[in-house]
Amino acid sequence: MTLRVAAIGLGWVAQHRHLPVMDRSGRFDVVGVVDRHPGVARDVAKTRRYRYHGCTDTLADIAWLDEVDAVTISTAPMAHHGLAVQALALGKHVLTEKPFTMTSAEGAELIARAQEADRRLAVVHNFQFARSTKALFADLADGRLGDITGIDAVQFGNPDRRLPEWCEELPFGLFYDESPHLLYLLRAVVGDIALARAFKVASTRGLRTPARVEAWFRGGPNNCPVRLACNFESPVSEWYLMVGGSRGYGIVDIFRDIYVRLPNDGLHDTGKVLRTSAIATAQHWLQHVTSGIPHLSGRLNYGNGELFDRFARAVAGDVEAMAPISAQAAHAILTLQHAIIDGAEDLYA
């Protein structure tokens, strides 16, 4: 089955991740693209030989939309709900970028509408399918890290990097846009988690995005600590998922798609310290080759390949393929986000 798709919203992620992945896949036929900037839609369509439409407000006005089975939505988060409602009403399956919606009620409404229409509704939670993350999952499944003692998702974000213009319109600004990635990775390791306590430090730049956000959760294996820590005023941009165990430490370098497993260093004597350095640097630089070549060739897709494949399989009837990217999973992340935002204590009040 080839899934005929319209891509709505043509920002950086759509042009550099979604469209290349679909074009390379035998499961998709991108019929056309839609963007609120007609010139952008026209240029992308010309380059990739699609049809195009220069509006995202009313999907029913798109003459060729009756020729597609599904839509992908990569607009600003504020438009996700309205566009998904229209697409589902038109009988289309929907794959939308994170964050899922702006409110929990909107998310619940979309789930109900998708069920009523018998359409698939999925969310782009892609990093759980990246090569590095899957290597961590394999170590966890094989017990190579031992008994889990703590799990951390850590983000350092340089505020001067390329960011969408609309970020500051969101609740907690950039936190609302980027935290779903770290939260679904935590849930992929742990399963269901519940917020225990959250803290924030106000922006030093007068922004809605806090300088720092930290959250602790209940639900880890054997009640081990589970933590999210975000620094949005960092001089460097780095994201890590780290799982500590009795036998070793598994570290996913999310941006570089690199996974490093470090053994327990026991007494931390000189020999063990040198061993840790050798293991860490060898694994790190070796995977600069395995991840660097795809990056330079434009094929490092951070799990988007498997995610889009899962969406196509789900539309074709493979229910199990849907679970990690389902609207229900996205709604759980949305609930955690709002719990953090609503419950965050001002650390220096």
C-alpha atoms as a PDB file:
ATOM      1  CA  MET A   1       0.000   0.000   0.000  1.00  0.00           C
ATOM      2  CA  THR A   2       1.289   3.467  -0.942  1.00  0.00           C
ATOM      3  CA  LEU A   3       0.014   6.192   1.351  1.00  0.00           C
ATOM      4  CA  ARG A   4      -0.900   9.363  -0.512  1.00  0.00           C
ATOM      5  CA  VAL A   5       0.035  12.382   1.627  1.00  0.00           C
ATOM      6  CA  ALA A   6      -0.299  16.151   1.797  1.00  0.00           C
ATOM      7  CA  ALA A   7       2.348  17.902   3.903  1.00  0.00           C
ATOM      8  CA  ILE A   8       0.992  20.958   5.737  1.00  0.00           C
ATOM      9  CA  GLY A   9       3.552  23.436   7.080  1.00  0.00           C
ATOM     10  CA  LEU A  10       6.946  23.705   5.406  1.00  0.00           C
ATOM     11  CA  GLY A  11       9.343  24.830   8.098  1.00  0.00           C
ATOM     12  CA  TRP A  12      12.840  23.457   8.606  1.00  0.00           C
ATOM     13  CA  VAL A  13      11.809  20.083  10.019  1.00  0.00           C
ATOM     14  CA  ALA A  14       9.354  19.388   7.197  1.00  0.00           C
ATOM     15  CA  GLN A  15      11.843  20.281   4.483  1.00  0.00           C
ATOM     16  CA  HIS A  16      14.890  18.586   6.018  1.00  0.00           C
ATOM     17  CA  ARG A  17      13.354  15.570   7.764  1.00  0.00           C
ATOM     18  CA  HIS A  18       9.778  14.712   6.808  1.00  0.00           C
ATOM     19  CA  LEU A  19       9.770  15.259   3.049  1.00  0.00           C
ATOM     20  CA  PRO A  20      13.162  13.587   2.412  1.00  0.00           C
ATOM     21  CA  VAL A  21      12.130  10.577   4.498  1.00  0.00           C
ATOM     22  CA  MET A  22       8.827  10.190   2.654  1.00  0.00           C
ATOM     23  CA  ASP A  23      10.435  10.693  -0.761  1.00  0.00           C
ATOM     24  CA  ARG A  24      12.989   7.946  -0.039  1.00  0.00           C
ATOM     25  CA  SER A  25      10.372   5.547   1.300  1.00  0.00           C
ATOM     26  CA  GLY A  26       8.408   3.229  -0.919  1.00  0.00           C
ATOM     27  CA  ARG A  27       5.412   3.593   1.396  1.00  0.00           C
ATOM     28  CA  PHE A  28       4.563   7.226   0.562  1.00  0.00           C
ATOM     29  CA  ASP A  29       3.446   9.307  -2.376  1.00  0.00           C
ATOM     30  CA  VAL A  30       3.634  13.000  -1.479  1.00  0.00           C
ATOM     31  CA  VAL A  31       0.866  14.444  -3.619  1.00  0.00           C
ATOM     32  CA  GLY A  32       1.257  18.066  -2.564  1.00  0.00           C
ATOM     33  CA  VAL A  33       2.409  20.594   0.019  1.00  0.00           C
ATOM     34  CA  VAL A  34       0.613  23.407   1.823  1.00  0.00           C
ATOM     35  CA  ASP A  35       2.028  26.469   3.592  1.00  0.00           C
ATOM     36  CA  ARG A  36       0.692  29.842   4.717  1.00  0.00           C
ATOM     37  CA  HIS A  37       3.496  31.415   2.674  1.00  0.00           C
ATOM     38  CA  PRO A  38       2.548  30.742  -0.975  1.00  0.00           C
ATOM     39  CA  GLY A  39       6.094  31.374  -2.164  1.00  0.00           C
ATOM     40  CA  VAL A  40       7.500  28.728   0.143  1.00  0.00           C
ATOM     41  CA  ALA A  41       4.905  26.173  -0.957  1.00  0.00           C
ATOM     42  CA  ARG A  42       5.570  27.000  -4.633  1.00  0.00           C
ATOM     43  CA  ASP A  43       9.359  26.701  -4.293  1.00  0.00           C
ATOM     44  CA  VAL A  44       9.240  23.389  -2.398  1.00  0.00           C
ATOM     45  CA  ALA A  45       6.711  21.987  -4.854  1.00  0.00           C
ATOM     46  CA  LYS A  46       8.840  23.013  -7.824  1.00  0.00           C
ATOM     47  CA  THR A  47      11.992  21.501  -6.345  1.00  0.00           C
ATOM     48  CA  ARG A  48      10.367  18.216  -5.376  1.00  0.00           C
ATOM     49  CA  ARG A  49       7.734  18.062  -8.130  1.00  0.00           C
ATOM     50  CA  TYR A  50       4.643  18.201  -5.959  1.00  0.00           C
ATOM     51  CA  ARG A  51       1.412  20.121  -6.215  1.00  0.00           C
ATOM     52  CA  TYR A  52       1.028  23.031  -3.829  1.00  0.00           C
ATOM     53  CA  HIS A  53      -1.487  25.280  -2.105  1.00  0.00           C
ATOM     54  CA  GLY A  54      -0.624  28.568  -0.408  1.00  0.00           C
ATOM     55  CA  CYS A  55      -2.911  28.495   2.619  1.00  0.00           C
ATOM     56  CA  THR A  56      -3.315  26.499   5.825  1.00  0.00           C
ATOM     57  CA  ASP A  57      -6.573  27.924   7.189  1.00  0.00           C
ATOM     58  CA  THR A  58      -9.262  25.963   5.343  1.00  0.00           C
ATOM     59  CA  LEU A  59      -8.285  22.531   4.085  1.00  0.00           C
ATOM     60  CA  ALA A  60     -11.579  22.071   2.232  1.00  0.00           C
ATOM     61  CA  ASP A  61     -10.430  24.763  -0.228  1.00  0.00           C
ATOM     62  CA  ILE A  62      -7.552  22.577  -1.482  1.00  0.00           C
ATOM     63  CA  ALA A  63      -8.821  21.147  -4.756  1.00  0.00           C
ATOM     64  CA  TRP A  64      -6.496  18.134  -4.840  1.00  0.00           C
ATOM     65  CA  LEU A  65      -6.928  17.121  -1.184  1.00  0.00           C
ATOM     66  CA  ASP A  66      -9.518  14.516  -2.152  1.00  0.00           C
ATOM     67  CA  GLU A  67      -6.639  12.623  -3.788  1.00  0.00           C
ATOM     68  CA  VAL A  68      -4.766  12.049  -0.505  1.00  0.00           C
ATOM     69  CA  ASP A  69      -5.232   9.540   2.308  1.00  0.00           C
ATOM     70  CA  ALA A  70      -3.353  11.369   5.056  1.00  0.00           C
ATOM     71  CA  VAL A  71      -1.873  14.706   6.058  1.00  0.00           C
ATOM     72  CA  THR A  72       1.258  15.552   7.983  1.00  0.00           C
ATOM     73  CA  ILE A  73       1.107  18.723  10.085  1.00  0.00           C
ATOM     74  CA  SER A  74       4.323  20.657  10.782  1.00  0.00           C
ATOM     75  CA  THR A  75       2.933  24.102  11.482  1.00  0.00           C
ATOM     76  CA  ALA A  76       3.308  26.149  14.655  1.00  0.00           C
ATOM     77  CA  PRO A  77       1.755  24.235  17.588  1.00  0.00           C
ATOM     78  CA  MET A  78      -1.120  26.699  17.902  1.00  0.00           C
ATOM     79  CA  ALA A  79      -2.498  25.453  14.569  1.00  0.00           C
ATOM     80  CA  HIS A  80      -2.215  21.702  15.230  1.00  0.00           C
ATOM     81  CA  HIS A  81      -5.650  21.249  16.767  1.00  0.00           C
ATOM     82  CA  GLY A  82      -7.640  23.202  14.185  1.00  0.00           C
ATOM     83  CA  LEU A  83      -5.940  21.585  11.202  1.00  0.00           C
ATOM     84  CA  ALA A  84      -6.241  18.074  12.660  1.00  0.00           C
ATOM     85  CA  VAL A  85      -9.964  18.622  13.327  1.00  0.00           C
ATOM     86  CA  GLN A  86     -10.479  19.612   9.679  1.00  0.00           C
ATOM     87  CA  ALA A  87      -8.368  16.744   8.329  1.00  0.00           C
ATOM     88  CA  LEU A  88     -10.200  14.135  10.401  1.00  0.00           C
ATOM     89  CA  ALA A  89     -13.553  15.584   9.329  1.00  0.00           C
ATOM     90  CA  LEU A  90     -12.431  15.164   5.722  1.00  0.00           C
ATOM     91  CA  GLY A  91     -11.618  11.508   6.376  1.00  0.00           C
ATOM     92  CA  LYS A  92      -7.834  11.864   6.451  1.00  0.00           C
ATOM     93  CA  HIS A  93      -5.369  10.084   8.685  1.00  0.00           C
ATOM     94  CA  VAL A  94      -3.159  12.560  10.577  1.00  0.00           C
ATOM     95  CA  LEU A  95       0.489  12.657  11.642  1.00  0.00           C
ATOM     96  CA  THR A  96       1.256  15.858  13.530  1.00  0.00           C
ATOM     97  CA  GLU A  97       4.432  17.314  14.943  1.00  0.00           C
ATOM     98  CA  LYS A  98       4.898  17.734  18.667  1.00  0.00           C
ATOM     99  CA  PRO A  99       3.739  19.336  20.891  1.00  0.00           C
ATOM    100  CA  PHE A 100       0.454  17.537  20.297  1.00  0.00           C
ATOM    101  CA  THR A 101      -1.936  20.423  21.075  1.00  0.00           C
ATOM    102  CA  MET A 102      -2.074  23.511  23.246  1.00  0.00           C
ATOM    103  CA  THR A 103      -4.348  22.087  25.941  1.00  0.00           C
ATOM    104  CA  SER A 104      -5.241  18.699  27.372  1.00  0.00           C
ATOM    105  CA  ALA A 105      -8.872  19.243  26.347  1.00  0.00           C
ATOM    106  CA  GLU A 106      -7.846  19.801  22.734  1.00  0.00           C
ATOM    107  CA  GLY A 107      -5.824  16.604  22.779  1.00  0.00           C
ATOM    108  CA  ALA A 108      -8.698  14.596  24.252  1.00  0.00           C
ATOM    109  CA  GLU A 109     -11.046  16.021  21.621  1.00  0.00           C
ATOM    110  CA  LEU A 110      -8.747  14.946  18.774  1.00  0.00           C
ATOM    111  CA  ILE A 111      -8.504  11.423  20.185  1.00  0.00           C
ATOM    112  CA  ALA A 112     -12.301  11.186  20.318  1.00  0.00           C
ATOM    113  CA  ARG A 113     -12.687  12.564  16.792  1.00  0.00           C
ATOM    114  CA  ALA A 114     -10.109  10.125  15.393  1.00  0.00           C
ATOM    115  CA  GLN A 115     -11.835   7.186  17.053  1.00  0.00           C
ATOM    116  CA  GLU A 116     -15.225   8.305  15.788  1.00  0.00           C
ATOM    117  CA  ALA A 117     -13.904   8.692  12.236  1.00  0.00           C
ATOM    118  CA  ASP A 118     -11.864   5.450  12.451  1.00  0.00           C
ATOM    119  CA  ARG A 119      -8.752   7.343  11.329  1.00  0.00           C
ATOM    120  CA  ARG A 120      -5.184   6.998  12.599  1.00  0.00           C
ATOM    121  CA  LEU A 121      -3.896   9.977  14.613  1.00  0.00           C
ATOM    122  CA  ALA A 122      -0.175   9.931  15.426  1.00  0.00           C
ATOM    123  CA  VAL A 123       2.526  12.303  16.679  1.00  0.00           C
ATOM    124  CA  VAL A 124       6.161  12.796  15.642  1.00  0.00           C
ATOM    125  CA  HIS A 125       8.002  11.388  18.663  1.00  0.00           C
ATOM    126  CA  ASN A 126      10.984  10.346  16.582  1.00  0.00           C
ATOM    127  CA  PHE A 127      14.074  10.171  18.808  1.00  0.00           C
ATOM    128  CA  GLN A 128      12.879   6.944  20.435  1.00  0.00           C
ATOM    129  CA  PHE A 129      13.653   5.249  17.086  1.00  0.00           C
ATOM    130  CA  ALA A 130      17.116   6.764  16.589  1.00  0.00           C
ATOM    131  CA  ARG A 131      20.010   4.324  16.300  1.00  0.00           C
ATOM    132  CA  SER A 132      21.614   5.518  19.553  1.00  0.00           C
ATOM    133  CA  THR A 133      18.399   5.303  21.567  1.00  0.00           C
ATOM    134  CA  LYS A 134      17.683   1.800  20.280  1.00  0.00           C
ATOM    135  CA  ALA A 135      21.190   0.762  21.368  1.00  0.00           C
ATOM    136  CA  LEU A 136      20.340   1.914  24.899  1.00  0.00           C
ATOM    137  CA  PHE A 137      17.048   0.004  24.794  1.00  0.00           C
ATOM    138  CA  ALA A 138      18.914  -3.125  23.693  1.00  0.00           C
ATOM    139  CA  ASP A 139      21.295  -2.813  26.654  1.00  0.00           C
ATOM    140  CA  LEU A 140      18.359  -2.381  29.021  1.00  0.00           C
ATOM    141  CA  ALA A 141      16.599  -5.421  27.580  1.00  0.00           C
ATOM    142  CA  ASP A 142      19.748  -7.549  27.923  1.00  0.00           C
ATOM    143  CA  GLY A 143      20.475  -6.352  31.478  1.00  0.00           C
ATOM    144  CA  ARG A 144      23.909  -4.957  30.555  1.00  0.00           C
ATOM    145  CA  LEU A 145      23.422  -1.940  32.828  1.00  0.00           C
ATOM    146  CA  GLY A 146      22.245  -4.047  35.774  1.00  0.00           C
ATOM    147  CA  ASP A 147      19.591  -2.850  38.200  1.00  0.00           C
ATOM    148  CA  ILE A 148      18.518   0.676  37.239  1.00  0.00           C
ATOM    149  CA  THR A 149      19.379   3.265  39.894  1.00  0.00           C
ATOM    150  CA  GLY A 150      18.533   6.561  38.186  1.00  0.00           C
ATOM    151  CA  ILE A 151      17.360   8.087  34.898  1.00  0.00           C
ATOM    152  CA  ASP A 152      18.046  11.635  33.698  1.00  0.00           C
ATOM    153  CA  ALA A 153      17.041  13.584  30.601  1.00  0.00           C
ATOM    154  CA  VAL A 154      19.212  16.691  30.373  1.00  0.00           C
ATOM    155  CA  GLN A 155      18.982  19.590  27.947  1.00  0.00           C
ATOM    156  CA  PHE A 156      21.360  22.487  27.393  1.00  0.00           C
ATOM    157  CA  GLY A 157      20.021  25.054  24.931  1.00  0.00           C
ATOM    158  CA  ASN A 158      21.827  28.078  23.539  1.00  0.00           C
ATOM    159  CA  PRO A 159      19.197  30.831  23.170  1.00  0.00           C
ATOM    160  CA  ASP A 160      21.092  32.254  20.168  1.00  0.00           C
ATOM    161  CA  ARG A 161      20.633  29.164  17.984  1.00  0.00           C
ATOM    162  CA  ARG A 162      18.050  28.868  15.189  1.00  0.00           C
ATOM    163  CA  LEU A 163      14.603  28.903  16.834  1.00  0.00           C
ATOM    164  CA  PRO A 164      11.042  29.299  15.490  1.00  0.00           C
ATOM    165  CA  GLU A 165       9.586  32.803  15.738  1.00  0.00           C
ATOM    166  CA  TRP A 166       6.488  31.530  17.549  1.00  0.00           C
ATOM    167  CA  CYS A 167       8.257  29.888  20.506  1.00  0.00           C
ATOM    168  CA  GLU A 168       7.714  32.786  22.889  1.00  0.00           C
ATOM    169  CA  GLU A 169       3.956  32.568  22.315  1.00  0.00           C
ATOM    170  CA  LEU A 170       3.829  29.136  23.973  1.00  0.00           C
ATOM    171  CA  PRO A 171       3.331  28.358  27.683  1.00  0.00           C
ATOM    172  CA  PHE A 172       6.854  28.409  29.180  1.00  0.00           C
ATOM    173  CA  GLY A 173       8.058  29.312  25.680  1.00  0.00           C
ATOM    174  CA  LEU A 174      10.668  26.956  24.273  1.00  0.00           C
ATOM    175  CA  PHE A 175      10.071  24.425  27.056  1.00  0.00           C
ATOM    176  CA  TYR A 176       6.642  23.668  25.620  1.00  0.00           C
ATOM    177  CA  ASP A 177       8.048  23.033  22.160  1.00  0.00           C
ATOM    178  CA  GLU A 178      11.114  20.957  23.045  1.00  0.00           C
ATOM    179  CA  SER A 179      10.295  19.100  26.272  1.00  0.00           C
ATOM    180  CA  PRO A 180       8.086  16.467  24.574  1.00  0.00           C
ATOM    181  CA  HIS A 181      11.229  14.877  23.126  1.00  0.00           C
ATOM    182  CA  LEU A 182      12.816  14.371  26.532  1.00  0.00           C
ATOM    183  CA  LEU A 183       9.563  13.357  28.200  1.00  0.00           C
ATOM    184  CA  TYR A 184       8.682  10.645  25.693  1.00  0.00           C
ATOM    185  CA  LEU A 185      12.245   9.318  25.936  1.00  0.00           C
ATOM    186  CA  LEU A 186      11.868   9.059  29.713  1.00  0.00           C
ATOM    187  CA  ARG A 187       8.556   7.241  29.273  1.00  0.00           C
ATOM    188  CA  ALA A 188      10.118   4.948  26.684  1.00  0.00           C
ATOM    189  CA  VAL A 189      12.626   3.835  29.324  1.00  0.00           C
ATOM    190  CA  VAL A 190      10.375   3.862  32.378  1.00  0.00           C
ATOM    191  CA  GLY A 191       6.776   3.592  31.214  1.00  0.00           C
ATOM    192  CA  ASP A 192       4.156   5.692  32.978  1.00  0.00           C
ATOM    193  CA  ILE A 193       5.556   8.415  35.234  1.00  0.00           C
ATOM    194  CA  ALA A 194       3.863  11.035  37.401  1.00  0.00           C
ATOM    195  CA  LEU A 195       5.206  14.427  38.402  1.00  0.00           C
ATOM    196  CA  ALA A 196       6.523  14.569  41.964  1.00  0.00           C
ATOM    197  CA  ARG A 197       7.885  18.120  42.027  1.00  0.00           C
ATOM    198  CA  ALA A 198       9.010  20.818  39.581  1.00  0.00           C
ATOM    199  CA  PHE A 199      11.100  23.985  39.817  1.00  0.00           C
ATOM    200  CA  LYS A 200      11.778  26.952  37.555  1.00  0.00           C
ATOM    201  CA  VAL A 201      14.233  29.826  37.384  1.00  0.00           C
ATOM    202  CA  ALA A 202      12.963  32.948  35.627  1.00  0.00           C
ATOM    203  CA  SER A 203      14.532  34.125  32.386  1.00  0.00           C
ATOM    204  CA  THR A 204      17.342  36.653  32.729  1.00  0.00           C
ATOM    205  CA  ARG A 205      16.374  37.965  29.283  1.00  0.00           C
ATOM    206  CA  GLY A 206      12.778  38.866  30.074  1.00  0.00           C
ATOM    207  CA  LEU A 207      11.456  35.930  28.057  1.00  0.00           C
ATOM    208  CA  ARG A 208       8.540  33.592  28.653  1.00  0.00           C
ATOM    209  CA  THR A 209      11.009  30.713  28.376  1.00  0.00           C
ATOM    210  CA  PRO A 210      12.473  30.177  31.869  1.00  0.00           C
ATOM    211  CA  ALA A 211      16.229  30.114  32.309  1.00  0.00           C
ATOM    212  CA  ARG A 212      15.863  26.663  33.872  1.00  0.00           C
ATOM    213  CA  VAL A 213      13.194  24.050  34.416  1.00  0.00           C
ATOM    214  CA  GLU A 214      13.695  20.924  36.505  1.00  0.00           C
ATOM    215  CA  ALA A 215      11.178  18.177  37.226  1.00  0.00           C
ATOM    216  CA  TRP A 216      11.292  14.986  39.279  1.00  0.00           C
ATOM    217  CA  PHE A 217       8.954  12.065  38.641  1.00  0.00           C
ATOM    218  CA  ARG A 218       7.604   8.991  40.382  1.00  0.00           C
ATOM    219  CA  GLY A 219       7.414   5.687  38.559  1.00  0.00           C
ATOM    220  CA  GLY A 220      11.007   4.629  37.947  1.00  0.00           C
ATOM    221  CA  PRO A 221      12.121   0.997  38.386  1.00  0.00           C
ATOM    222  CA  ASN A 222      12.211   0.211  42.113  1.00  0.00           C
ATOM    223  CA  ASN A 223      11.228   3.866  42.711  1.00  0.00           C
ATOM    224  CA  CYS A 224      14.595   5.087  41.419  1.00  0.00           C
ATOM    225  CA  PRO A 225      14.925   8.836  40.689  1.00  0.00           C
ATOM    226  CA  VAL A 226      13.668  10.046  37.301  1.00  0.00           C
ATOM    227  CA  ARG A 227      14.618  13.623  36.414  1.00  0.00           C
ATOM    228  CA  LEU A 228      14.208  16.167  33.632  1.00  0.00           C
ATOM    229  CA  ALA A 229      16.612  19.129  33.677  1.00  0.00           C
ATOM    230  CA  CYS A 230      16.496  21.928  31.093  1.00  0.00           C
ATOM    231  CA  ASN A 231      18.892  24.875  30.861  1.00  0.00           C
ATOM    232  CA  PHE A 232      17.642  27.337  28.248  1.00  0.00           C
ATOM    233  CA  GLU A 233      20.413  29.899  28.789  1.00  0.00           C
ATOM    234  CA  SER A 234      23.410  27.687  28.118  1.00  0.00           C
ATOM    235  CA  PRO A 235      26.440  28.642  25.992  1.00  0.00           C
ATOM    236  CA  VAL A 236      26.200  25.249  24.247  1.00  0.00           C
ATOM    237  CA  SER A 237      23.334  23.122  22.931  1.00  0.00           C
ATOM    238  CA  GLU A 238      23.398  19.483  24.019  1.00  0.00           C
ATOM    239  CA  TRP A 239      20.714  16.889  24.798  1.00  0.00           C
ATOM    240  CA  TYR A 240      21.348  13.665  26.742  1.00  0.00           C
ATOM    241  CA  LEU A 241      19.361  10.686  27.962  1.00  0.00           C
ATOM    242  CA  MET A 242      21.282   8.919  30.742  1.00  0.00           C
ATOM    243  CA  VAL A 243      20.460   5.667  32.523  1.00  0.00           C
ATOM    244  CA  GLY A 244      22.535   4.568  35.491  1.00  0.00           C
ATOM    245  CA  GLY A 245      22.614   0.999  36.751  1.00  0.00           C
ATOM    246  CA  SER A 246      24.497  -1.269  39.110  1.00  0.00           C
ATOM    247  CA  ARG A 247      26.729  -2.535  36.284  1.00  0.00           C
ATOM    248  CA  GLY A 248      27.181   0.563  34.150  1.00  0.00           C
ATOM    249  CA  TYR A 249      25.969   3.836  32.686  1.00  0.00           C
ATOM    250  CA  GLY A 250      24.206   4.218  29.336  1.00  0.00           C
ATOM    251  CA  ILE A 251      24.419   7.670  27.761  1.00  0.00           C
ATOM    252  CA  VAL A 252      22.595   8.746  24.603  1.00  0.00           C
ATOM    253  CA  ASP A 253      24.008  11.859  22.936  1.00  0.00           C
ATOM    254  CA  ILE A 254      20.767  12.790  21.190  1.00  0.00           C
ATOM    255  CA  PHE A 255      22.042  15.482  18.812  1.00  0.00           C
ATOM    256  CA  ARG A 256      24.972  13.382  17.544  1.00  0.00           C
ATOM    257  CA  ASP A 257      23.026  10.085  17.561  1.00  0.00           C
ATOM    258  CA  ILE A 258      25.779   8.469  19.632  1.00  0.00           C
ATOM    259  CA  TYR A 259      25.427   5.901  22.407  1.00  0.00           C
ATOM    260  CA  VAL A 260      28.139   5.271  25.000  1.00  0.00           C
ATOM    261  CA  ARG A 261      28.064   2.523  27.635  1.00  0.00           C
ATOM    262  CA  LEU A 262      30.473   2.953  30.547  1.00  0.00           C
ATOM    263  CA  PRO A 263      31.213   0.117  32.996  1.00  0.00           C
ATOM    264  CA  ASN A 264      30.943   0.478  36.773  1.00  0.00           C
ATOM    265  CA  ASP A 265      34.277   1.955  37.865  1.00  0.00           C
ATOM    266  CA  GLY A 266      34.261   0.435  41.342  1.00  0.00           C
ATOM    267  CA  LEU A 267      36.893   2.049  43.560  1.00  0.00           C
ATOM    268  CA  HIS A 268      37.525   4.776  40.975  1.00  0.00           C
ATOM    269  CA  ASP A 269      41.261   4.183  41.109  1.00  0.00           C
ATOM    270  CA  THR A 270      43.659   5.458  38.456  1.00  0.00           C
ATOM    271  CA  GLY A 271      43.345   2.360  36.275  1.00  0.00           C
ATOM    272  CA  LYS A 272      39.555   2.489  36.278  1.00  0.00           C
ATOM    273  CA  VAL A 273      39.545   6.214  35.540  1.00  0.00           C
ATOM    274  CA  LEU A 274      41.822   5.676  32.539  1.00  0.00           C
ATOM    275  CA  ARG A 275      39.679   2.753  31.416  1.00  0.00           C
ATOM    276  CA  THR A 276      36.556   4.915  31.514  1.00  0.00           C
ATOM    277  CA  SER A 277      38.296   7.637  29.490  1.00  0.00           C
ATOM    278  CA  ALA A 278      39.488   5.145  26.879  1.00  0.00           C
ATOM    279  CA  ILE A 279      36.099   3.473  26.535  1.00  0.00           C
ATOM    280  CA  ALA A 280      34.215   6.768  26.370  1.00  0.00           C
ATOM    281  CA  THR A 281      36.477   8.415  23.785  1.00  0.00           C
ATOM    282  CA  ALA A 282      36.754   5.300  21.605  1.00  0.00           C
ATOM    283  CA  GLN A 283      33.006   4.793  21.435  1.00  0.00           C
ATOM    284  CA  HIS A 284      32.389   8.515  20.945  1.00  0.00           C
ATOM    285  CA  TRP A 285      34.777   9.006  18.017  1.00  0.00           C
ATOM    286  CA  LEU A 286      33.930   5.703  16.339  1.00  0.00           C
ATOM    287  CA  GLN A 287      30.279   6.720  16.219  1.00  0.00           C
ATOM    288  CA  HIS A 288      31.214  10.106  14.782  1.00  0.00           C
ATOM    289  CA  VAL A 289      31.938   8.050  11.685  1.00  0.00           C
ATOM    290  CA  THR A 290      28.767   5.946  11.768  1.00  0.00           C
ATOM    291  CA  SER A 291      26.579   9.000  12.438  1.00  0.00           C
ATOM    292  CA  GLY A 292      28.738  11.596  10.679  1.00  0.00           C
ATOM    293  CA  ILE A 293      28.590  10.070   7.207  1.00  0.00           C
ATOM    294  CA  PRO A 294      24.761   9.976   7.165  1.00  0.00           C
ATOM    295  CA  HIS A 295      24.745  13.510   8.586  1.00  0.00           C
ATOM    296  CA  LEU A 296      26.978  14.839   5.811  1.00  0.00           C
ATOM    297  CA  SER A 297      24.905  13.048   3.171  1.00  0.00           C
ATOM    298  CA  GLY A 298      21.624  14.361   4.601  1.00  0.00           C
ATOM    299  CA  ARG A 299      20.405  10.921   5.622  1.00  0.00           C
ATOM    300  CA  LEU A 300      20.742  11.129   9.402  1.00  0.00           C
ATOM    301  CA  ASN A 301      17.032  11.313  10.160  1.00  0.00           C
ATOM    302  CA  TYR A 302      17.024  10.729  13.959  1.00  0.00           C
ATOM    303  CA  GLY A 303      14.451   7.961  13.857  1.00  0.00           C
ATOM    304  CA  ASN A 304      12.066   9.692  11.448  1.00  0.00           C
ATOM    305  CA  GLY A 305      12.468   6.867   8.948  1.00  0.00           C
ATOM    306  CA  GLU A 306      11.047   4.287  11.329  1.00  0.00           C
ATOM    307  CA  LEU A 307       8.421   6.692  12.644  1.00  0.00           C
ATOM    308  CA  PHE A 308       6.986   7.397   9.195  1.00  0.00           C
ATOM    309  CA  ASP A 309       7.167   3.702   8.370  1.00  0.00           C
ATOM    310  CA  ARG A 310       5.172   2.949  11.523  1.00  0.00           C
ATOM    311  CA  PHE A 311       2.551   5.520  10.574  1.00  0.00           C
ATOM    312  CA  ALA A 312       2.120   3.975   7.122  1.00  0.00           C
ATOM    313  CA  ARG A 313       1.873   0.487   8.624  1.00  0.00           C
ATOM    314  CA  ALA A 314      -0.694   1.699  11.165  1.00  0.00           C
ATOM    315  CA  VAL A 315      -2.847   3.149   8.403  1.00  0.00           C
ATOM    316  CA  ALA A 316      -2.569  -0.210   6.625  1.00  0.00           C
ATOM    317  CA  GLY A 317      -3.895  -1.970   9.746  1.00  0.00           C
ATOM    318  CA  ASP A 318      -0.834  -2.762  11.882  1.00  0.00           C
ATOM    319  CA  VAL A 319      -2.210  -1.645  15.256  1.00  0.00           C
ATOM    320  CA  GLU A 320       0.961  -2.492  17.213  1.00  0.00           C
ATOM    321  CA  ALA A 321       3.067  -0.180  15.031  1.00  0.00           C
ATOM    322  CA  MET A 322       0.999   2.741  16.299  1.00  0.00           C
ATOM    323  CA  ALA A 323       1.517   2.381  20.054  1.00  0.00           C
ATOM    324  CA  PRO A 324       4.721   4.448  20.593  1.00  0.00           C
ATOM    325  CA  ILE A 325       3.490   7.298  18.383  1.00  0.00           C
ATOM    326  CA  SER A 326      -0.215   7.189  19.200  1.00  0.00           C
ATOM    327  CA  ALA A 327      -2.316  10.182  20.154  1.00  0.00           C
ATOM    328  CA  GLN A 328      -2.841   8.529  23.542  1.00  0.00           C
ATOM    329  CA  ALA A 329       0.918   8.466  24.138  1.00  0.00           C
ATOM    330  CA  ALA A 330       1.132  12.098  23.024  1.00  0.00           C
ATOM    331  CA  HIS A 331      -1.702  13.050  25.383  1.00  0.00           C
ATOM    332  CA  ALA A 332       0.223  11.522  28.291  1.00  0.00           C
ATOM    333  CA  ILE A 333       3.203  13.727  27.399  1.00  0.00           C
ATOM    334  CA  LEU A 334       0.916  16.752  27.092  1.00  0.00           C
ATOM    335  CA  THR A 335      -0.455  16.023  30.570  1.00  0.00           C
ATOM    336  CA  LEU A 336       3.079  15.916  32.009  1.00  0.00           C
ATOM    337  CA  GLN A 337       3.978  19.193  30.312  1.00  0.00           C
ATOM    338  CA  HIS A 338       1.019  21.026  31.801  1.00  0.00           C
ATOM    339  CA  ALA A 339       1.613  19.453  35.210  1.00  0.00           C
ATOM    340  CA  ILE A 340       5.164  20.865  35.158  1.00  0.00           C
ATOM    341  CA  ILE A 341       4.080  24.293  33.938  1.00  0.00           C
ATOM    342  CA  ASP A 342       1.208  24.561  36.414  1.00  0.00           C
ATOM    343  CA  GLY A 343       3.143  23.154  39.353  1.00  0.00           C
ATOM    344  CA  ALA A 344       6.646  24.574  38.916  1.00  0.00           C
ATOM    345  CA  GLU A 345       7.867  26.365  42.039  1.00  0.00           C
ATOM    346  CA  ASP A 346       9.985  29.493  41.617  1.00  0.00           C
ATOM    347  CA  LEU A 347      13.296  28.303  43.036  1.00  0.00           C
ATOM    348  CA  TYR A 348      14.456  31.766  44.094  1.00  0.00           C
ATOM    349  CA  ALA A 349      11.153  33.382  45.063  1.00  0.00           C
END
